[in-house]
Amino acid sequence: MATRELDVRGLACPLPILRTRRLLDTMAPGEEVVVLTTDPASEIDFRHFCNTTEHELLSLTRAEGEFAFHIRRG
């Protein structure tokens, strides 16, 4: 399975989470997505989202004001 990419850079809370949830709802269990965002609150939001759902946060990278969250659908 190929990893999908969701670019939500430039959007503020809660839009990155809402768009990620909408995409994850269309994916099969085990599929993965990398979400790109610039929202400074997204690190807290995505950790909380994955901790309170069946989805797994595989990795988080930060570089020059951008974040990349690698998530596996549960």
PDB file of N, CA and C in Angstrom:
ATOM      1  N   MET A   1       0.831  -1.190   0.000  1.00  0.00           N
ATOM      2  CA  MET A   1       0.000   0.000   0.000  1.00  0.00           C
ATOM      3  C   MET A   1       0.874   1.251   0.000  1.00  0.00           C
ATOM      4  N   ALA A   2       0.517   2.186  -0.796  1.00  0.00           N
ATOM      5  CA  ALA A   2       1.243   3.455  -0.846  1.00  0.00           C
ATOM      6  C   ALA A   2       0.764   4.359   0.282  1.00  0.00           C
ATOM      7  N   THR A   3       1.677   5.129   0.829  1.00  0.00           N
ATOM      8  CA  THR A   3       1.329   6.095   1.859  1.00  0.00           C
ATOM      9  C   THR A   3       0.735   7.321   1.186  1.00  0.00           C
ATOM     10  N   ARG A   4      -0.407   7.757   1.672  1.00  0.00           N
ATOM     11  CA  ARG A   4      -1.044   8.956   1.127  1.00  0.00           C
ATOM     12  C   ARG A   4      -0.432  10.192   1.764  1.00  0.00           C
ATOM     13  N   GLU A   5      -0.673  11.336   1.148  1.00  0.00           N
ATOM     14  CA  GLU A   5      -0.210  12.604   1.695  1.00  0.00           C
ATOM     15  C   GLU A   5      -1.381  13.577   1.724  1.00  0.00           C
ATOM     16  N   LEU A   6      -1.510  14.290   2.839  1.00  0.00           N
ATOM     17  CA  LEU A   6      -2.547  15.306   2.999  1.00  0.00           C
ATOM     18  C   LEU A   6      -1.856  16.608   3.357  1.00  0.00           C
ATOM     19  N   ASP A   7      -1.987  17.599   2.490  1.00  0.00           N
ATOM     20  CA  ASP A   7      -1.343  18.892   2.700  1.00  0.00           C
ATOM     21  C   ASP A   7      -2.377  19.874   3.242  1.00  0.00           C
ATOM     22  N   VAL A   8      -2.256  20.205   4.527  1.00  0.00           N
ATOM     23  CA  VAL A   8      -3.157  21.169   5.157  1.00  0.00           C
ATOM     24  C   VAL A   8      -2.360  22.370   5.673  1.00  0.00           C
ATOM     25  N   ARG A   9      -1.218  22.617   5.045  1.00  0.00           N
ATOM     26  CA  ARG A   9      -0.402  23.775   5.433  1.00  0.00           C
ATOM     27  C   ARG A   9      -1.210  25.051   5.200  1.00  0.00           C
ATOM     28  N   GLY A  10      -1.070  25.987   6.148  1.00  0.00           N
ATOM     29  CA  GLY A  10      -1.783  27.254   6.052  1.00  0.00           C
ATOM     30  C   GLY A  10      -3.138  27.248   6.727  1.00  0.00           C
ATOM     31  N   LEU A  11      -3.626  26.067   7.117  1.00  0.00           N
ATOM     32  CA  LEU A  11      -4.912  25.982   7.805  1.00  0.00           C
ATOM     33  C   LEU A  11      -4.693  25.953   9.313  1.00  0.00           C
ATOM     34  N   ALA A  12      -5.615  26.550  10.040  1.00  0.00           N
ATOM     35  CA  ALA A  12      -5.511  26.611  11.501  1.00  0.00           C
ATOM     36  C   ALA A  12      -6.498  25.639  12.133  1.00  0.00           C
ATOM     37  N   CYS A  13      -6.246  25.340  13.394  1.00  0.00           N
ATOM     38  CA  CYS A  13      -7.089  24.469  14.195  1.00  0.00           C
ATOM     39  C   CYS A  13      -8.535  24.961  14.121  1.00  0.00           C
ATOM     40  N   PRO A  14      -9.470  24.102  13.938  1.00  0.00           N
ATOM     41  CA  PRO A  14      -9.447  22.631  13.943  1.00  0.00           C
ATOM     42  C   PRO A  14      -9.368  22.000  12.560  1.00  0.00           C
ATOM     43  N   LEU A  15      -9.194  22.790  11.506  1.00  0.00           N
ATOM     44  CA  LEU A  15      -9.259  22.251  10.141  1.00  0.00           C
ATOM     45  C   LEU A  15      -8.266  21.125   9.844  1.00  0.00           C
ATOM     46  N   PRO A  16      -6.997  21.192  10.266  1.00  0.00           N
ATOM     47  CA  PRO A  16      -6.100  20.061   9.963  1.00  0.00           C
ATOM     48  C   PRO A  16      -6.608  18.727  10.521  1.00  0.00           C
ATOM     49  N   ILE A  17      -7.103  18.737  11.738  1.00  0.00           N
ATOM     50  CA  ILE A  17      -7.637  17.500  12.339  1.00  0.00           C
ATOM     51  C   ILE A  17      -8.906  17.056  11.624  1.00  0.00           C
ATOM     52  N   LEU A  18      -9.796  17.980  11.346  1.00  0.00           N
ATOM     53  CA  LEU A  18     -11.056  17.619  10.686  1.00  0.00           C
ATOM     54  C   LEU A  18     -10.812  17.016   9.306  1.00  0.00           C
ATOM     55  N   ARG A  19      -9.904  17.600   8.551  1.00  0.00           N
ATOM     56  CA  ARG A  19      -9.610  17.060   7.216  1.00  0.00           C
ATOM     57  C   ARG A  19      -8.885  15.719   7.295  1.00  0.00           C
ATOM     58  N   THR A  20      -8.044  15.568   8.304  1.00  0.00           N
ATOM     59  CA  THR A  20      -7.360  14.285   8.499  1.00  0.00           C
ATOM     60  C   THR A  20      -8.369  13.205   8.869  1.00  0.00           C
ATOM     61  N   ARG A  21      -9.273  13.521   9.779  1.00  0.00           N
ATOM     62  CA  ARG A  21     -10.303  12.549  10.180  1.00  0.00           C
ATOM     63  C   ARG A  21     -11.146  12.139   8.978  1.00  0.00           C
ATOM     64  N   ARG A  22     -11.521  13.119   8.147  1.00  0.00           N
ATOM     65  CA  ARG A  22     -12.343  12.822   6.969  1.00  0.00           C
ATOM     66  C   ARG A  22     -11.603  11.870   6.027  1.00  0.00           C
ATOM     67  N   LEU A  23     -10.302  12.112   5.811  1.00  0.00           N
ATOM     68  CA  LEU A  23      -9.527  11.224   4.947  1.00  0.00           C
ATOM     69  C   LEU A  23      -9.379   9.842   5.575  1.00  0.00           C
ATOM     70  N   LEU A  24      -9.038   9.782   6.850  1.00  0.00           N
ATOM     71  CA  LEU A  24      -8.869   8.490   7.523  1.00  0.00           C
ATOM     72  C   LEU A  24     -10.147   7.655   7.466  1.00  0.00           C
ATOM     73  N   ASP A  25     -11.296   8.308   7.515  1.00  0.00           N
ATOM     74  CA  ASP A  25     -12.574   7.585   7.440  1.00  0.00           C
ATOM     75  C   ASP A  25     -12.763   6.880   6.106  1.00  0.00           C
ATOM     76  N   THR A  26     -12.063   7.326   5.059  1.00  0.00           N
ATOM     77  CA  THR A  26     -12.184   6.698   3.742  1.00  0.00           C
ATOM     78  C   THR A  26     -11.122   5.632   3.506  1.00  0.00           C
ATOM     79  N   MET A  27     -10.176   5.513   4.418  1.00  0.00           N
ATOM     80  CA  MET A  27      -9.057   4.600   4.244  1.00  0.00           C
ATOM     81  C   MET A  27      -9.320   3.263   4.929  1.00  0.00           C
ATOM     82  N   ALA A  28      -8.642   2.235   4.461  1.00  0.00           N
ATOM     83  CA  ALA A  28      -8.744   0.904   5.067  1.00  0.00           C
ATOM     84  C   ALA A  28      -7.833   0.830   6.295  1.00  0.00           C
ATOM     85  N   PRO A  29      -8.186  -0.006   7.283  1.00  0.00           N
ATOM     86  CA  PRO A  29      -7.306  -0.196   8.434  1.00  0.00           C
ATOM     87  C   PRO A  29      -5.912  -0.623   7.969  1.00  0.00           C
ATOM     88  N   GLY A  30      -4.897   0.001   8.571  1.00  0.00           N
ATOM     89  CA  GLY A  30      -3.509  -0.299   8.225  1.00  0.00           C
ATOM     90  C   GLY A  30      -2.921   0.648   7.200  1.00  0.00           C
ATOM     91  N   GLU A  31      -3.767   1.360   6.457  1.00  0.00           N
ATOM     92  CA  GLU A  31      -3.243   2.342   5.500  1.00  0.00           C
ATOM     93  C   GLU A  31      -2.616   3.495   6.273  1.00  0.00           C
ATOM     94  N   GLU A  32      -1.682   4.188   5.608  1.00  0.00           N
ATOM     95  CA  GLU A  32      -0.953   5.272   6.265  1.00  0.00           C
ATOM     96  C   GLU A  32      -1.080   6.575   5.492  1.00  0.00           C
ATOM     97  N   VAL A  33      -0.988   7.674   6.225  1.00  0.00           N
ATOM     98  CA  VAL A  33      -1.031   9.004   5.632  1.00  0.00           C
ATOM     99  C   VAL A  33       0.021   9.877   6.309  1.00  0.00           C
ATOM    100  N   VAL A  34       0.623  10.756   5.536  1.00  0.00           N
ATOM    101  CA  VAL A  34       1.509  11.778   6.072  1.00  0.00           C
ATOM    102  C   VAL A  34       0.767  13.097   5.930  1.00  0.00           C
ATOM    103  N   VAL A  35       0.567  13.777   7.059  1.00  0.00           N
ATOM    104  CA  VAL A  35      -0.154  15.044   7.084  1.00  0.00           C
ATOM    105  C   VAL A  35       0.860  16.168   7.264  1.00  0.00           C
ATOM    106  N   LEU A  36       0.828  17.136   6.347  1.00  0.00           N
ATOM    107  CA  LEU A  36       1.731  18.285   6.395  1.00  0.00           C
ATOM    108  C   LEU A  36       0.944  19.493   6.889  1.00  0.00           C
ATOM    109  N   THR A  37       1.471  20.167   7.919  1.00  0.00           N
ATOM    110  CA  THR A  37       0.768  21.309   8.490  1.00  0.00           C
ATOM    111  C   THR A  37       1.761  22.370   8.962  1.00  0.00           C
ATOM    112  N   THR A  38       1.261  23.583   9.109  1.00  0.00           N
ATOM    113  CA  THR A  38       2.070  24.686   9.630  1.00  0.00           C
ATOM    114  C   THR A  38       1.486  25.245  10.923  1.00  0.00           C
ATOM    115  N   ASP A  39       0.373  24.720  11.370  1.00  0.00           N
ATOM    116  CA  ASP A  39      -0.288  25.200  12.580  1.00  0.00           C
ATOM    117  C   ASP A  39       0.537  24.821  13.811  1.00  0.00           C
ATOM    118  N   PRO A  40       1.015  25.813  14.590  1.00  0.00           N
ATOM    119  CA  PRO A  40       1.841  25.504  15.765  1.00  0.00           C
ATOM    120  C   PRO A  40       1.131  24.615  16.792  1.00  0.00           C
ATOM    121  N   ALA A  41      -0.189  24.672  16.844  1.00  0.00           N
ATOM    122  CA  ALA A  41      -0.940  23.849  17.797  1.00  0.00           C
ATOM    123  C   ALA A  41      -1.113  22.413  17.312  1.00  0.00           C
ATOM    124  N   SER A  42      -0.721  22.131  16.089  1.00  0.00           N
ATOM    125  CA  SER A  42      -0.974  20.812  15.528  1.00  0.00           C
ATOM    126  C   SER A  42      -0.231  19.692  16.256  1.00  0.00           C
ATOM    127  N   GLU A  43       0.921  19.977  16.819  1.00  0.00           N
ATOM    128  CA  GLU A  43       1.638  18.919  17.539  1.00  0.00           C
ATOM    129  C   GLU A  43       0.802  18.400  18.705  1.00  0.00           C
ATOM    130  N   ILE A  44       0.239  19.290  19.471  1.00  0.00           N
ATOM    131  CA  ILE A  44      -0.634  18.898  20.591  1.00  0.00           C
ATOM    132  C   ILE A  44      -1.900  18.236  20.056  1.00  0.00           C
ATOM    133  N   ASP A  45      -2.492  18.841  19.030  1.00  0.00           N
ATOM    134  CA  ASP A  45      -3.754  18.336  18.472  1.00  0.00           C
ATOM    135  C   ASP A  45      -3.617  16.924  17.919  1.00  0.00           C
ATOM    136  N   PHE A  46      -2.571  16.670  17.138  1.00  0.00           N
ATOM    137  CA  PHE A  46      -2.430  15.352  16.521  1.00  0.00           C
ATOM    138  C   PHE A  46      -2.048  14.280  17.537  1.00  0.00           C
ATOM    139  N   ARG A  47      -1.235  14.641  18.531  1.00  0.00           N
ATOM    140  CA  ARG A  47      -0.927  13.663  19.589  1.00  0.00           C
ATOM    141  C   ARG A  47      -2.210  13.272  20.332  1.00  0.00           C
ATOM    142  N   HIS A  48      -3.015  14.272  20.671  1.00  0.00           N
ATOM    143  CA  HIS A  48      -4.277  14.008  21.376  1.00  0.00           C
ATOM    144  C   HIS A  48      -5.225  13.191  20.489  1.00  0.00           C
ATOM    145  N   PHE A  49      -5.333  13.566  19.229  1.00  0.00           N
ATOM    146  CA  PHE A  49      -6.201  12.857  18.295  1.00  0.00           C
ATOM    147  C   PHE A  49      -5.837  11.375  18.231  1.00  0.00           C
ATOM    148  N   CYS A  50      -4.555  11.067  18.085  1.00  0.00           N
ATOM    149  CA  CYS A  50      -4.124   9.677  17.980  1.00  0.00           C
ATOM    150  C   CYS A  50      -4.240   8.935  19.309  1.00  0.00           C
ATOM    151  N   ASN A  51      -4.071   9.641  20.421  1.00  0.00           N
ATOM    152  CA  ASN A  51      -4.203   9.005  21.733  1.00  0.00           C
ATOM    153  C   ASN A  51      -5.652   8.695  22.087  1.00  0.00           C
ATOM    154  N   THR A  52      -6.596   9.375  21.464  1.00  0.00           N
ATOM    155  CA  THR A  52      -8.011   9.188  21.803  1.00  0.00           C
ATOM    156  C   THR A  52      -8.787   8.467  20.704  1.00  0.00           C
ATOM    157  N   THR A  53      -8.104   8.004  19.678  1.00  0.00           N
ATOM    158  CA  THR A  53      -8.737   7.231  18.605  1.00  0.00           C
ATOM    159  C   THR A  53      -7.935   5.957  18.410  1.00  0.00           C
ATOM    160  N   GLU A  54      -8.359   5.154  17.465  1.00  0.00           N
ATOM    161  CA  GLU A  54      -7.650   3.903  17.181  1.00  0.00           C
ATOM    162  C   GLU A  54      -6.457   4.110  16.252  1.00  0.00           C
ATOM    163  N   HIS A  55      -6.231   5.333  15.812  1.00  0.00           N
ATOM    164  CA  HIS A  55      -5.144   5.622  14.875  1.00  0.00           C
ATOM    165  C   HIS A  55      -3.809   5.751  15.610  1.00  0.00           C
ATOM    166  N   GLU A  56      -2.723   5.386  14.912  1.00  0.00           N
ATOM    167  CA  GLU A  56      -1.396   5.375  15.529  1.00  0.00           C
ATOM    168  C   GLU A  56      -0.490   6.439  14.914  1.00  0.00           C
ATOM    169  N   LEU A  57       0.068   7.287  15.752  1.00  0.00           N
ATOM    170  CA  LEU A  57       1.041   8.275  15.303  1.00  0.00           C
ATOM    171  C   LEU A  57       2.384   7.572  15.202  1.00  0.00           C
ATOM    172  N   LEU A  58       2.845   7.343  13.968  1.00  0.00           N
ATOM    173  CA  LEU A  58       4.094   6.612  13.746  1.00  0.00           C
ATOM    174  C   LEU A  58       5.314   7.507  13.902  1.00  0.00           C
ATOM    175  N   SER A  59       5.196   8.764  13.452  1.00  0.00           N
ATOM    176  CA  SER A  59       6.313   9.692  13.599  1.00  0.00           C
ATOM    177  C   SER A  59       5.829  11.119  13.447  1.00  0.00           C
ATOM    178  N   LEU A  60       6.665  12.013  13.956  1.00  0.00           N
ATOM    179  CA  LEU A  60       6.432  13.450  13.857  1.00  0.00           C
ATOM    180  C   LEU A  60       7.768  14.092  13.534  1.00  0.00           C
ATOM    181  N   THR A  61       7.786  14.916  12.498  1.00  0.00           N
ATOM    182  CA  THR A  61       8.995  15.663  12.196  1.00  0.00           C
ATOM    183  C   THR A  61       8.653  17.151  12.133  1.00  0.00           C
ATOM    184  N   ARG A  62       9.610  17.965  12.574  1.00  0.00           N
ATOM    185  CA  ARG A  62       9.465  19.426  12.567  1.00  0.00           C
ATOM    186  C   ARG A  62      10.631  20.006  11.788  1.00  0.00           C
ATOM    187  N   ALA A  63      10.341  20.970  10.924  1.00  0.00           N
ATOM    188  CA  ALA A  63      11.403  21.656  10.188  1.00  0.00           C
ATOM    189  C   ALA A  63      10.901  23.010   9.716  1.00  0.00           C
ATOM    190  N   GLU A  64      11.565  24.057  10.153  1.00  0.00           N
ATOM    191  CA  GLU A  64      11.299  25.409   9.691  1.00  0.00           C
ATOM    192  C   GLU A  64       9.824  25.786   9.724  1.00  0.00           C
ATOM    193  N   GLY A  65       9.170  25.528  10.852  1.00  0.00           N
ATOM    194  CA  GLY A  65       7.774  25.922  11.013  1.00  0.00           C
ATOM    195  C   GLY A  65       6.769  24.997  10.375  1.00  0.00           C
ATOM    196  N   GLU A  66       7.218  23.865   9.865  1.00  0.00           N
ATOM    197  CA  GLU A  66       6.303  22.888   9.285  1.00  0.00           C
ATOM    198  C   GLU A  66       6.396  21.579  10.053  1.00  0.00           C
ATOM    199  N   PHE A  67       5.293  20.870  10.079  1.00  0.00           N
ATOM    200  CA  PHE A  67       5.202  19.593  10.774  1.00  0.00           C
ATOM    201  C   PHE A  67       4.758  18.533   9.775  1.00  0.00           C
ATOM    202  N   ALA A  68       5.237  17.314   9.968  1.00  0.00           N
ATOM    203  CA  ALA A  68       4.788  16.166   9.185  1.00  0.00           C
ATOM    204  C   ALA A  68       4.426  15.056  10.166  1.00  0.00           C
ATOM    205  N   PHE A  69       3.172  14.646  10.135  1.00  0.00           N
ATOM    206  CA  PHE A  69       2.673  13.595  11.016  1.00  0.00           C
ATOM    207  C   PHE A  69       2.413  12.350  10.170  1.00  0.00           C
ATOM    208  N   HIS A  70       3.060  11.253  10.514  1.00  0.00           N
ATOM    209  CA  HIS A  70       2.868   9.976   9.812  1.00  0.00           C
ATOM    210  C   HIS A  70       1.918   9.144  10.674  1.00  0.00           C
ATOM    211  N   ILE A  71       0.741   8.869  10.141  1.00  0.00           N
ATOM    212  CA  ILE A  71      -0.321   8.223  10.907  1.00  0.00           C
ATOM    213  C   ILE A  71      -0.776   6.948  10.199  1.00  0.00           C
ATOM    214  N   ARG A  72      -0.983   5.888  10.981  1.00  0.00           N
ATOM    215  CA  ARG A  72      -1.551   4.635  10.478  1.00  0.00           C
ATOM    216  C   ARG A  72      -2.990   4.535  10.951  1.00  0.00           C
ATOM    217  N   ARG A  73      -3.883   4.257   9.991  1.00  0.00           N
ATOM    218  CA  ARG A  73      -5.293   4.112  10.357  1.00  0.00           C
ATOM    219  C   ARG A  73      -5.494   2.834  11.155  1.00  0.00           C
ATOM    220  N   GLY A  74      -6.240   2.973  12.231  1.00  0.00           N
ATOM    221  CA  GLY A  74      -6.522   1.832  13.106  1.00  0.00           C
ATOM    222  C   GLY A  74      -7.722   1.042  12.669  1.00  0.00           C
TER     223      GLY A  74
END
